[in-house]
Amino acid sequence: MIPYANKHKMTGDDVTENAYYSQDLHGPYEMHDIGDLPLEEGGTLRGCQLAVARHGTLNAAKDNVILIPTWYSGTSKIMEQVYIGPGRALDTDKYHIIIVNQIGNGLSTSPHNTAGPSGAGHFPHVRIGDDVRAQHRLLTEKLGISSLALVVGGSMGAQQTYEWAVRYPDMVRRAAPIAGTARNTQHDFLFTQTLVDAITSDPGFNHGFYASPADVRAGLLRHAKMWAVMGWSTEFYQHGRMAQLGFSSLDDFVVNFMFGYFGVMDPNDLICMAWKWQRGDVARMAGGDLAAALGRVKAKMFVMPISHDMFFPVADCERECKLVPGAQLRVLNSIDGHLALFGADPGFMPQLEGHLRELLAS
């Protein structure tokens, strides 16, 4: 069942049923109705719902909160499985960790679970700033939280981390954008467009009004292959990482891992997230002046690119790091490239944990 479907009286004509987005696979998470959310590009998400996973205990001062926004295609579940836990840097015995699923990721309000007339192919454009304003409303108005010990996220989660640090500088004490930039580059915009085009060029996409993701199988497979090209590095393939992960051939890896991962997802949801990924830019809060926007940051910040990332290369992240007062560049070494974020490289997490412990101790 789609979360909160009965509340919105969704019908088969209004939504695309998808059992992948369920409590069974991605829970436990709570649904929070934050009310109507006017969007920066125009339009409104009525009764905007945020899917939220909370771990650890909120202290009396409400100042031990770590916020984790999600990345493209990801949900709170992978953050729970890979990044947090007792005794970890993101310690659930010490901190109250709040993982908020971004709008459009399939758990929170998304194209596939929004009733007509504004669902599916009519879902409005959402920006990173809309996500962060929604999260701010949740934290301050619903949960009574006014201070964040840390905001940390990877990829699109890094875009949201930057947005938080610039938009609400007095609320964010520490920030750790991992494998992401404050302003998306033209190169990354163009590549992300190929991900979108791979889906929308499938005749089964039908302008976003398909009956099932299975109707868009060819498009989702092309999308998965493009991720196989850019998500991992050339060294990932040269060093036999596919075999180390249990795959016997390139075809085995592409079909059973990459397509196995993306093929069950809703195409409109992926396009919603890709559109805002392409347009991530904190400079919008300073009249287009990136230096002025990043100069507003008061948080202690560690900028953490991944050495072999082909989406957000180290040089792009380093240029922005120099614009943030007091920020430090901490490169995470992994030949897995951008998708080292999945945590499959055993050398990746110890590096990340060490930097986060240092940041949290500062």
Protein backbone atom coordinates (compact mmCIF):
# COMPACT_ATOMS: atom_id res chain seq x y z
CA MET A 1 0.00 0.00 0.00
CA ILE A 2 1.07 3.58 -0.63
CA PRO A 3 1.64 5.42 2.68
CA TYR A 4 -1.28 7.63 3.73
CA ALA A 5 -3.22 6.68 0.58
CA ASN A 6 -6.55 6.37 2.36
CA LYS A 7 -6.17 9.77 3.97
CA HIS A 8 -6.03 11.41 0.57
CA LYS A 9 -8.66 9.06 -0.90
CA MET A 10 -6.39 8.10 -3.77
CA THR A 11 -7.75 5.87 -6.50
CA GLY A 12 -6.20 3.91 -9.32
CA ASP A 13 -6.96 6.80 -11.65
CA ASP A 14 -5.16 9.27 -9.39
CA VAL A 15 -1.96 7.49 -8.44
CA THR A 16 0.45 4.84 -9.65
CA GLU A 17 0.42 2.00 -7.13
CA ASN A 18 3.94 0.86 -6.26
CA ALA A 19 4.60 -1.60 -3.47
CA TYR A 20 8.29 -0.66 -3.45
CA TYR A 21 7.50 2.50 -1.46
CA SER A 22 6.26 0.82 1.71
CA GLN A 23 6.85 0.58 5.43
CA ASP A 24 7.83 -3.05 4.90
CA LEU A 25 10.81 -2.10 2.73
CA HIS A 26 11.71 1.37 4.00
CA GLY A 27 10.24 1.69 7.47
CA PRO A 28 9.84 2.44 10.18
CA TYR A 29 9.07 6.04 9.35
CA GLU A 30 6.45 8.53 10.46
CA MET A 31 4.28 10.68 8.22
CA HIS A 32 4.07 14.38 9.11
CA ASP A 33 1.56 16.68 7.42
CA ILE A 34 3.18 20.12 7.32
CA GLY A 35 0.24 21.78 5.56
CA ASP A 36 0.18 23.50 2.20
CA LEU A 37 3.65 24.27 0.83
CA PRO A 38 3.87 27.08 -1.76
CA LEU A 39 6.71 26.30 -4.17
CA GLU A 40 9.48 28.60 -5.38
CA GLU A 41 8.64 27.83 -9.02
CA GLY A 42 4.93 28.44 -8.48
CA GLY A 43 2.21 26.02 -7.54
CA THR A 44 1.48 24.48 -4.17
CA LEU A 45 1.84 21.06 -2.61
CA ARG A 46 -1.42 20.74 -0.71
CA GLY A 47 -1.19 18.81 2.53
CA CYS A 48 2.54 18.21 1.98
CA GLN A 49 3.61 15.02 3.71
CA LEU A 50 7.15 14.34 4.91
CA ALA A 51 8.25 10.80 5.70
CA VAL A 52 10.56 11.01 8.70
CA ALA A 53 12.66 8.38 10.49
CA ARG A 54 13.84 9.31 13.97
CA HIS A 55 16.48 7.50 16.01
CA GLY A 56 17.86 8.18 19.48
CA THR A 57 16.46 10.36 22.23
CA LEU A 58 15.92 14.10 22.08
CA ASN A 59 17.52 15.68 25.15
CA ALA A 60 15.81 18.22 27.38
CA ALA A 61 17.60 21.16 25.75
CA LYS A 62 16.66 19.89 22.28
CA ASP A 63 20.19 20.63 21.10
CA ASN A 64 21.46 17.12 20.27
CA VAL A 65 19.74 16.92 16.89
CA ILE A 66 21.45 15.68 13.73
CA LEU A 67 19.50 16.18 10.51
CA ILE A 68 20.12 13.91 7.52
CA PRO A 69 18.40 14.73 4.20
CA THR A 70 18.25 12.00 1.55
CA TRP A 71 19.89 11.71 -1.88
CA TYR A 72 18.57 10.97 -5.36
CA SER A 73 16.57 7.72 -5.34
CA GLY A 74 17.53 7.02 -1.71
CA THR A 75 15.30 6.81 1.34
CA SER A 76 15.84 6.99 5.07
CA LYS A 77 16.39 3.22 5.11
CA ILE A 78 19.85 3.27 3.53
CA MET A 79 20.94 6.02 5.92
CA GLU A 80 19.73 3.89 8.81
CA GLN A 81 21.51 0.78 7.51
CA VAL A 82 24.84 2.34 6.49
CA TYR A 83 25.45 5.58 8.37
CA ILE A 84 24.00 5.62 11.88
CA GLY A 85 23.96 3.46 15.00
CA PRO A 86 25.18 3.07 18.60
CA GLY A 87 28.88 3.85 18.90
CA ARG A 88 29.08 5.27 15.38
CA ALA A 89 30.05 8.87 14.66
CA LEU A 90 26.33 9.45 14.09
CA ASP A 91 25.65 7.86 17.44
CA THR A 92 22.04 7.01 18.19
CA ASP A 93 22.91 6.67 21.89
CA LYS A 94 24.12 10.28 21.99
CA TYR A 95 22.18 12.15 19.32
CA HIS A 96 18.60 12.44 18.19
CA ILE A 97 18.96 11.71 14.49
CA ILE A 98 16.20 12.87 12.16
CA ILE A 99 16.25 11.56 8.59
CA VAL A 100 13.84 13.42 6.33
CA ASN A 101 12.94 11.90 2.98
CA GLN A 102 13.09 14.56 0.31
CA ILE A 103 9.97 15.55 -1.57
CA GLY A 104 9.60 13.33 -4.63
CA ASN A 105 11.55 10.33 -3.31
CA GLY A 106 8.48 8.11 -3.13
CA LEU A 107 7.89 8.14 0.63
CA SER A 108 7.25 11.85 1.16
CA THR A 109 4.80 13.66 -1.12
CA SER A 110 5.75 12.56 -4.64
CA PRO A 111 4.29 12.42 -8.13
CA HIS A 112 3.21 8.79 -7.84
CA ASN A 113 1.38 9.16 -4.51
CA THR A 114 -0.29 12.52 -5.14
CA ALA A 115 -3.96 12.41 -6.13
CA GLY A 116 -5.11 14.12 -9.31
CA PRO A 117 -5.22 16.57 -10.85
CA SER A 118 -1.66 17.50 -9.74
CA GLY A 119 -0.10 14.04 -9.50
CA ALA A 120 1.89 11.92 -11.97
CA GLY A 121 2.90 13.97 -15.03
CA HIS A 122 1.21 17.09 -13.64
CA PHE A 123 3.30 17.18 -10.46
CA PRO A 124 4.78 20.70 -10.03
CA HIS A 125 8.49 21.50 -10.12
CA VAL A 126 10.16 21.36 -6.70
CA ARG A 127 13.48 22.99 -5.78
CA ILE A 128 16.07 22.14 -3.14
CA GLY A 129 14.94 25.29 -1.32
CA ASP A 130 11.40 23.89 -1.11
CA ASP A 131 12.73 20.76 0.57
CA VAL A 132 14.68 22.77 3.11
CA ARG A 133 11.80 25.14 3.86
CA ALA A 134 9.56 22.11 4.38
CA GLN A 135 12.11 20.51 6.70
CA HIS A 136 12.51 23.77 8.62
CA ARG A 137 8.74 23.96 9.11
CA LEU A 138 8.71 20.37 10.34
CA LEU A 139 11.53 20.90 12.82
CA THR A 140 10.50 24.27 14.21
CA GLU A 141 6.70 24.14 14.08
CA LYS A 142 6.00 20.43 14.55
CA LEU A 143 8.94 19.22 16.65
CA GLY A 144 9.94 22.40 18.51
CA ILE A 145 13.60 22.22 17.44
CA SER A 146 15.53 25.45 16.92
CA SER A 147 19.16 24.25 16.87
CA LEU A 148 20.94 21.57 14.86
CA ALA A 149 24.18 20.04 16.10
CA LEU A 150 24.88 18.85 12.56
CA VAL A 151 23.35 18.71 9.11
CA VAL A 152 24.95 16.00 7.01
CA GLY A 153 24.02 14.50 3.67
CA GLY A 154 25.46 13.01 0.52
CA SER A 155 24.88 14.01 -3.11
CA MET A 156 21.44 15.67 -3.18
CA GLY A 157 21.65 15.47 0.62
CA ALA A 158 24.79 17.62 0.32
CA GLN A 159 22.86 20.13 -1.80
CA GLN A 160 20.27 20.33 0.98
CA THR A 161 23.02 20.61 3.60
CA TYR A 162 24.46 23.66 1.84
CA GLU A 163 20.98 25.14 1.49
CA TRP A 164 20.39 24.70 5.21
CA ALA A 165 23.71 26.33 6.16
CA VAL A 166 23.07 29.34 3.89
CA ARG A 167 19.34 29.77 4.44
CA TYR A 168 19.32 29.22 8.22
CA PRO A 169 22.87 30.09 9.36
CA ASP A 170 21.91 30.73 12.99
CA MET A 171 20.29 27.31 13.35
CA VAL A 172 23.04 25.11 11.90
CA ARG A 173 26.07 24.66 14.19
CA ARG A 174 27.94 22.17 12.00
CA ALA A 175 27.54 21.04 8.42
CA ALA A 176 29.02 18.20 6.37
CA PRO A 177 28.17 18.15 2.67
CA ILE A 178 29.43 14.85 1.24
CA ALA A 179 29.92 14.33 -2.51
CA GLY A 180 27.85 17.33 -3.56
CA THR A 181 28.09 21.01 -4.43
CA ALA A 182 26.38 24.21 -3.40
CA ARG A 183 25.81 25.17 -7.04
CA ASN A 184 25.34 22.48 -9.64
CA THR A 185 27.72 22.69 -12.59
CA GLN A 186 26.77 22.86 -16.26
CA HIS A 187 28.51 19.53 -16.84
CA ASP A 188 26.45 17.87 -14.11
CA PHE A 189 23.27 19.57 -15.36
CA LEU A 190 23.87 18.09 -18.81
CA PHE A 191 24.55 14.60 -17.54
CA THR A 192 21.49 14.63 -15.32
CA GLN A 193 19.45 15.65 -18.34
CA THR A 194 20.55 12.44 -20.05
CA LEU A 195 19.14 10.51 -17.08
CA VAL A 196 15.83 12.29 -17.57
CA ASP A 197 15.86 11.82 -21.33
CA ALA A 198 16.55 8.10 -20.93
CA ILE A 199 13.22 7.78 -19.15
CA THR A 200 11.04 10.26 -20.99
CA SER A 201 12.08 9.00 -24.46
CA ASP A 202 10.50 5.62 -23.73
CA PRO A 203 7.10 5.59 -25.51
CA GLY A 204 5.67 3.83 -22.46
CA PHE A 205 6.37 6.94 -20.39
CA ASN A 206 3.35 8.55 -22.06
CA HIS A 207 4.12 12.08 -20.83
CA GLY A 208 4.16 10.79 -17.25
CA PHE A 209 0.80 9.03 -17.39
CA TYR A 210 1.80 5.36 -17.42
CA ALA A 211 -0.05 2.67 -15.49
CA SER A 212 3.06 1.07 -13.99
CA PRO A 213 6.85 1.51 -13.93
CA ALA A 214 6.93 -1.72 -15.93
CA ASP A 215 5.53 0.29 -18.85
CA VAL A 216 8.77 2.30 -18.81
CA ARG A 217 11.11 -0.66 -18.50
CA ALA A 218 13.31 0.28 -21.46
CA GLY A 219 13.74 3.83 -20.20
CA LEU A 220 14.54 2.73 -16.67
CA LEU A 221 17.11 0.26 -18.02
CA ARG A 222 18.83 3.01 -20.04
CA HIS A 223 18.75 5.20 -16.92
CA ALA A 224 20.39 2.41 -14.91
CA LYS A 225 23.11 1.93 -17.55
CA MET A 226 23.96 5.64 -17.42
CA TRP A 227 24.35 5.37 -13.67
CA ALA A 228 26.63 2.39 -14.25
CA VAL A 229 28.81 4.66 -16.41
CA MET A 230 29.00 7.74 -14.19
CA GLY A 231 28.07 6.50 -10.73
CA TRP A 232 31.18 4.36 -10.50
CA SER A 233 34.68 5.24 -11.69
CA THR A 234 36.79 3.68 -14.44
CA GLU A 235 39.07 2.35 -11.67
CA PHE A 236 36.06 0.58 -10.11
CA TYR A 237 35.85 -1.59 -13.21
CA GLN A 238 39.61 -1.88 -13.75
CA HIS A 239 40.15 -3.21 -10.23
CA GLY A 240 37.46 -5.88 -10.44
CA ARG A 241 35.12 -4.34 -7.92
CA MET A 242 32.11 -5.94 -9.67
CA ALA A 243 33.44 -9.42 -8.90
CA GLN A 244 34.23 -8.40 -5.32
CA LEU A 245 30.58 -7.39 -4.95
CA GLY A 246 29.46 -10.78 -6.24
CA PHE A 247 28.71 -10.15 -9.93
CA SER A 248 30.10 -12.44 -12.63
CA SER A 249 30.01 -10.09 -15.61
CA LEU A 250 29.18 -6.58 -16.72
CA ASP A 251 25.74 -7.69 -17.88
CA ASP A 252 25.12 -9.41 -14.54
CA PHE A 253 26.09 -6.21 -12.73
CA VAL A 254 24.02 -3.87 -14.92
CA VAL A 255 20.88 -6.01 -14.90
CA ASN A 256 20.88 -7.49 -11.43
CA PHE A 257 22.37 -4.59 -9.48
CA MET A 258 21.88 -1.33 -11.34
CA PHE A 259 18.57 -2.13 -13.02
CA GLY A 260 17.52 -4.20 -10.03
CA TYR A 261 17.93 -1.06 -7.94
CA PHE A 262 16.31 1.53 -10.24
CA GLY A 263 13.85 -0.66 -12.15
CA VAL A 264 11.30 -0.83 -9.32
CA MET A 265 11.20 2.94 -8.78
CA ASP A 266 8.60 5.33 -10.09
CA PRO A 267 9.83 7.21 -13.20
CA ASN A 268 8.01 10.45 -12.32
CA ASP A 269 9.56 10.40 -8.86
CA LEU A 270 13.05 10.06 -10.36
CA ILE A 271 12.37 12.93 -12.77
CA CYS A 272 11.09 15.14 -9.94
CA MET A 273 14.32 14.63 -8.02
CA ALA A 274 16.52 15.02 -11.09
CA TRP A 275 14.92 18.37 -11.97
CA LYS A 276 15.80 19.89 -8.61
CA TRP A 277 19.24 18.24 -8.56
CA GLN A 278 20.01 20.00 -11.85
CA ARG A 279 19.02 23.39 -10.45
CA GLY A 280 20.59 23.23 -6.99
CA ASP A 281 22.13 26.64 -6.35
CA VAL A 282 22.44 28.44 -3.02
CA ALA A 283 23.46 31.62 -4.90
CA ARG A 284 19.76 32.16 -5.60
CA MET A 285 19.58 33.48 -2.02
CA ALA A 286 22.16 36.18 -2.79
CA GLY A 287 21.12 37.49 -6.18
CA GLY A 288 23.24 34.91 -8.00
CA ASP A 289 26.44 35.72 -6.06
CA LEU A 290 27.82 32.36 -4.88
CA ALA A 291 30.57 33.90 -2.76
CA ALA A 292 28.08 36.13 -0.98
CA ALA A 293 25.74 33.21 -0.33
CA LEU A 294 28.44 30.91 1.04
CA GLY A 295 29.85 33.80 3.03
CA ARG A 296 26.67 33.70 5.13
CA VAL A 297 27.54 30.28 6.55
CA LYS A 298 28.24 30.30 10.29
CA ALA A 299 28.42 26.54 10.74
CA LYS A 300 31.68 24.71 11.28
CA MET A 301 31.87 22.91 7.94
CA PHE A 302 33.81 19.96 6.56
CA VAL A 303 33.42 19.68 2.78
CA MET A 304 33.92 16.02 1.86
CA PRO A 305 34.17 15.14 -1.84
CA ILE A 306 34.98 11.61 -3.00
CA SER A 307 38.30 11.24 -4.82
CA HIS A 308 36.96 9.44 -7.92
CA ASP A 309 33.53 11.07 -8.11
CA MET A 310 32.57 11.96 -11.69
CA PHE A 311 29.41 13.85 -10.70
CA PHE A 312 30.94 16.17 -8.10
CA PRO A 313 34.73 16.10 -8.60
CA VAL A 314 37.12 17.25 -5.92
CA ALA A 315 38.10 20.42 -7.80
CA ASP A 316 34.49 21.64 -7.96
CA CYS A 317 34.00 21.03 -4.25
CA GLU A 318 37.32 22.63 -3.34
CA ARG A 319 36.45 25.86 -5.17
CA GLU A 320 33.29 26.21 -3.13
CA CYS A 321 34.97 25.19 0.12
CA LYS A 322 37.28 28.20 -0.18
CA LEU A 323 34.23 30.49 -0.18
CA VAL A 324 32.87 29.20 3.15
CA PRO A 325 34.35 30.94 6.20
CA GLY A 326 36.56 28.48 8.11
CA ALA A 327 35.51 25.45 6.08
CA GLN A 328 37.92 22.53 5.70
CA LEU A 329 38.26 20.20 2.71
CA ARG A 330 38.39 16.52 3.66
CA VAL A 331 38.71 14.25 0.62
CA LEU A 332 37.33 10.73 0.97
CA ASN A 333 39.40 8.27 -1.04
CA SER A 334 37.48 5.57 -2.89
CA ILE A 335 37.67 4.12 -6.38
CA ASP A 336 33.95 3.39 -6.11
CA GLY A 337 33.39 6.99 -7.15
CA HIS A 338 30.10 8.71 -6.37
CA LEU A 339 28.40 5.49 -5.38
CA ALA A 340 30.91 4.93 -2.61
CA LEU A 341 28.00 6.55 -0.77
CA PHE A 342 26.37 3.11 -0.79
CA GLY A 343 29.02 2.00 1.72
CA ALA A 344 30.21 -1.07 -0.22
CA ASP A 345 33.88 0.03 -0.12
CA PRO A 346 35.18 -1.16 3.28
CA GLY A 347 37.74 1.66 3.31
CA PHE A 348 35.22 4.44 2.80
CA MET A 349 33.21 4.48 6.01
CA PRO A 350 36.19 4.59 8.43
CA GLN A 351 37.41 7.77 6.68
CA LEU A 352 33.98 9.36 6.86
CA GLU A 353 33.48 8.31 10.47
CA GLY A 354 36.80 9.85 11.48
CA HIS A 355 35.98 13.19 9.91
CA LEU A 356 32.49 13.28 11.39
CA ARG A 357 33.80 12.48 14.86
CA GLU A 358 36.29 15.31 14.59
CA LEU A 359 33.64 17.70 13.35
CA LEU A 360 31.20 16.79 16.11
CA ALA A 361 33.94 17.17 18.73
CA SER A 362 34.80 20.67 17.51
